[in-house]
Amino acid sequence: TSTSVSATAQTYTIVVGDGGAGGAAGDNSGTDGSDSSALGVSATGGGGGGSNSYNGRDGGSGGGTGHKSSGTGGSAESGEGNDGGDCTFPGGPDQNAGGGGGKGGAGSNGTSASGGTGGNGGAGATNDYRTGSGVYYAAGGGGAGWGVPGTGGSSIGGDGTYNTTPGNGVANTGSGGGGGNETAGGSSIAGGNA
């Protein structure tokens, strides 16, 4: 949500939340990003991506679900971001994970079995605060895919993979990393973590 804040010439404390860590090896969800704040306005950190047994986590934007039977993406905080993608082929052996939500759009759902795709990460949104021109920030990471992995949102979220190391979100954009080996894409982290 856009917010106007009046400021005078003085020193202000600005907190940029850390990005959430990827899930540990095995059936573990990613952790949530930390909150950010400046000039009395706060932004909630993004929800961690899900895993085989866990849904995507809620946050500023929701984390995508892993290849969980009937898995659902995490929900976004009202007025901040968008939801993570679901797994739309529950119960089979080769499900594809949902993408993480971004500021500008929800993560896509993972589709059917081995011929399907991981969900793409949600789009980011632009502002000119840091550079003076419109730059994308806060995109979601792509979900891993047994068939075709999902791509990161707005070319700044990390790409999903399968059996290789997933891509990172572009530094200083607050974007989520990609999912790997059937794990979900991370949501965008409000506030611009590396």
Protein backbone atom coordinates (compact mmCIF):
# COMPACT_ATOMS: atom_id res chain seq x y z
CA THR A 1 0.00 0.00 0.00
CA SER A 2 1.35 3.45 -0.92
CA THR A 3 1.88 5.70 2.08
CA SER A 4 2.99 9.35 2.19
CA VAL A 5 5.10 10.41 5.15
CA SER A 6 6.28 13.92 5.98
CA ALA A 7 9.91 14.07 7.11
CA THR A 8 12.19 16.80 8.43
CA ALA A 9 15.98 16.99 8.15
CA GLN A 10 17.23 14.73 10.95
CA THR A 11 18.55 11.22 11.53
CA TYR A 12 16.06 8.39 11.14
CA THR A 13 16.37 4.72 11.96
CA ILE A 14 15.60 2.46 9.00
CA VAL A 15 15.42 -1.29 9.52
CA VAL A 16 15.81 -3.59 6.50
CA GLY A 17 14.74 -7.08 7.41
CA ASP A 18 16.89 -10.10 6.67
CA GLY A 19 15.74 -12.57 4.07
CA GLY A 20 14.52 -15.94 5.25
CA ALA A 21 16.83 -18.93 5.03
CA GLY A 22 16.09 -21.84 2.73
CA GLY A 23 14.80 -25.03 4.27
CA ALA A 24 17.38 -27.43 5.69
CA ALA A 25 18.07 -30.67 3.85
CA GLY A 26 15.13 -33.03 4.12
CA ASP A 27 11.46 -32.22 4.54
CA ASN A 28 11.79 -28.71 5.96
CA SER A 29 10.10 -25.42 5.11
CA GLY A 30 11.98 -22.22 4.45
CA THR A 31 11.96 -19.63 7.22
CA ASP A 32 10.13 -16.31 7.05
CA GLY A 33 11.83 -13.05 6.19
CA SER A 34 12.19 -10.43 8.92
CA ASP A 35 10.07 -7.29 9.05
CA SER A 36 11.28 -3.90 7.81
CA SER A 37 10.40 -0.41 9.02
CA ALA A 38 11.10 3.24 8.30
CA LEU A 39 9.50 6.57 9.31
CA GLY A 40 6.78 4.85 11.30
CA VAL A 41 5.77 2.54 8.44
CA SER A 42 6.40 -1.19 8.66
CA ALA A 43 6.39 -4.03 6.15
CA THR A 44 6.00 -7.70 7.01
CA GLY A 45 8.67 -10.17 5.90
CA GLY A 46 7.70 -12.71 3.27
CA GLY A 47 6.52 -16.20 4.19
CA GLY A 48 8.86 -19.15 3.78
CA GLY A 49 8.25 -21.70 1.05
CA GLY A 50 6.67 -25.04 1.89
CA SER A 51 8.07 -28.55 1.54
CA ASN A 52 6.79 -32.07 0.96
CA SER A 53 4.76 -32.09 4.17
CA TYR A 54 4.16 -28.37 4.76
CA ASN A 55 2.15 -25.65 3.08
CA GLY A 56 3.70 -22.33 2.13
CA ARG A 57 3.90 -19.93 5.05
CA ASP A 58 1.95 -16.70 5.46
CA GLY A 59 3.76 -13.36 5.36
CA GLY A 60 3.97 -9.99 3.62
CA SER A 61 3.70 -12.14 0.49
CA GLY A 62 2.90 -15.84 0.86
CA GLY A 63 5.39 -18.61 0.26
CA GLY A 64 4.61 -21.18 -2.46
CA THR A 65 3.68 -24.68 -1.40
CA GLY A 66 5.99 -27.65 -1.90
CA HIS A 67 4.90 -30.82 -3.71
CA LYS A 68 2.52 -31.56 -0.87
CA SER A 69 -0.72 -33.48 -1.35
CA SER A 70 -3.45 -30.81 -1.45
CA GLY A 71 -0.78 -28.22 -0.68
CA THR A 72 -1.66 -24.54 -0.65
CA GLY A 73 0.48 -21.44 -0.88
CA GLY A 74 0.79 -19.04 2.03
CA SER A 75 -1.52 -16.05 2.37
CA ALA A 76 -0.31 -12.46 2.04
CA GLU A 77 -0.73 -9.76 4.66
CA SER A 78 -3.60 -7.50 3.65
CA GLY A 79 -2.42 -4.45 1.70
CA GLU A 80 1.18 -5.67 1.35
CA GLY A 81 1.79 -8.47 -1.13
CA ASN A 82 0.17 -11.48 -2.81
CA ASP A 83 -0.42 -15.16 -2.11
CA GLY A 84 1.90 -18.01 -2.96
CA GLY A 85 1.01 -20.66 -5.53
CA ASP A 86 -0.56 -24.06 -4.85
CA CYS A 87 0.25 -27.61 -5.90
CA THR A 88 -2.52 -28.55 -8.33
CA PHE A 89 -1.66 -32.22 -8.78
CA PRO A 90 -1.94 -33.61 -5.24
CA GLY A 91 -1.35 -37.23 -4.47
CA GLY A 92 0.87 -38.18 -7.40
CA PRO A 93 4.61 -38.90 -7.22
CA ASP A 94 5.81 -36.06 -9.45
CA GLN A 95 4.07 -32.90 -8.32
CA ASN A 96 5.43 -29.46 -9.14
CA ALA A 97 5.77 -26.76 -6.51
CA GLY A 98 4.01 -23.39 -6.45
CA GLY A 99 5.80 -20.08 -7.01
CA GLY A 100 6.20 -17.49 -4.27
CA GLY A 101 4.04 -14.40 -4.16
CA GLY A 102 5.42 -10.99 -5.16
CA LYS A 103 4.40 -7.42 -4.50
CA GLY A 104 2.86 -7.10 -7.97
CA GLY A 105 1.20 -10.49 -8.36
CA ALA A 106 0.49 -13.90 -6.88
CA GLY A 107 2.72 -16.93 -7.42
CA SER A 108 1.52 -19.35 -10.11
CA ASN A 109 0.37 -22.86 -9.26
CA GLY A 110 2.49 -25.89 -10.02
CA THR A 111 0.81 -28.02 -12.69
CA SER A 112 0.30 -31.75 -13.32
CA ALA A 113 2.86 -34.52 -13.08
CA SER A 114 6.15 -35.16 -14.90
CA GLY A 115 5.12 -33.20 -17.99
CA GLY A 116 4.04 -30.17 -16.00
CA THR A 117 5.78 -27.11 -14.65
CA GLY A 118 6.69 -25.50 -11.37
CA GLY A 119 4.81 -22.28 -10.68
CA ASN A 120 6.39 -18.99 -11.70
CA GLY A 121 7.14 -16.42 -9.03
CA GLY A 122 4.80 -13.48 -8.66
CA ALA A 123 5.72 -10.21 -10.33
CA GLY A 124 7.48 -7.46 -8.43
CA ALA A 125 6.52 -3.79 -8.38
CA THR A 126 8.47 -0.69 -9.41
CA ASN A 127 9.56 2.40 -7.52
CA ASP A 128 12.22 5.05 -8.02
CA TYR A 129 13.27 5.64 -4.40
CA ARG A 130 16.79 4.25 -4.67
CA THR A 131 17.86 5.09 -8.22
CA GLY A 132 15.58 7.89 -9.41
CA SER A 133 14.09 5.69 -12.12
CA GLY A 134 11.58 2.84 -12.04
CA VAL A 135 13.24 -0.40 -10.87
CA TYR A 136 11.51 -3.67 -9.98
CA TYR A 137 11.60 -4.92 -6.40
CA ALA A 138 9.99 -7.65 -4.29
CA ALA A 139 9.31 -10.44 -6.80
CA GLY A 140 8.62 -14.07 -5.92
CA GLY A 141 10.90 -17.03 -6.59
CA GLY A 142 9.98 -19.82 -9.00
CA GLY A 143 8.88 -23.24 -7.78
CA ALA A 144 10.86 -26.38 -8.53
CA GLY A 145 9.50 -28.58 -11.29
CA TRP A 146 9.77 -32.27 -12.08
CA GLY A 147 9.09 -31.30 -15.68
CA VAL A 148 9.93 -27.61 -16.21
CA PRO A 149 10.92 -25.49 -13.20
CA GLY A 150 9.21 -22.14 -12.64
CA THR A 151 10.98 -18.86 -13.32
CA GLY A 152 11.42 -16.00 -10.90
CA GLY A 153 9.09 -13.04 -11.16
CA SER A 154 10.10 -9.91 -13.13
CA SER A 155 13.53 -11.42 -13.90
CA ILE A 156 14.67 -10.62 -10.34
CA GLY A 157 13.21 -13.53 -8.37
CA GLY A 158 15.33 -16.68 -8.28
CA ASP A 159 14.53 -19.44 -10.78
CA GLY A 160 13.37 -22.86 -9.63
CA THR A 161 15.35 -25.97 -10.52
CA TYR A 162 15.26 -29.73 -10.22
CA ASN A 163 18.21 -31.58 -8.67
CA THR A 164 20.49 -28.55 -8.98
CA THR A 165 21.05 -25.48 -6.82
CA PRO A 166 18.14 -23.03 -7.24
CA GLY A 167 18.66 -19.41 -8.18
CA ASN A 168 18.91 -16.56 -5.69
CA GLY A 169 16.81 -13.42 -5.85
CA VAL A 170 18.73 -10.45 -7.25
CA ALA A 171 20.62 -8.66 -4.49
CA ASN A 172 19.08 -5.49 -3.01
CA THR A 173 15.67 -6.10 -4.57
CA GLY A 174 13.96 -7.97 -1.74
CA SER A 175 13.07 -10.84 -4.06
CA GLY A 176 12.58 -14.50 -3.17
CA GLY A 177 14.91 -17.32 -4.13
CA GLY A 178 13.88 -20.23 -6.33
CA GLY A 179 12.87 -23.67 -5.13
CA GLY A 180 14.95 -26.78 -5.75
CA ASN A 181 14.24 -30.51 -5.82
CA GLU A 182 10.47 -30.11 -5.57
CA THR A 183 10.57 -27.42 -2.90
CA ALA A 184 8.63 -24.20 -3.27
CA GLY A 185 9.70 -20.79 -4.42
CA GLY A 186 10.28 -18.20 -1.72
CA SER A 187 8.06 -15.16 -1.44
CA SER A 188 9.33 -11.65 -1.82
CA ILE A 189 10.66 -10.08 1.34
CA ALA A 190 9.24 -6.65 2.00
CA GLY A 191 11.90 -4.03 2.55
CA GLY A 192 14.65 -5.02 0.15
CA ASN A 193 16.89 -7.69 1.64
CA ALA A 194 19.75 -9.01 -0.45
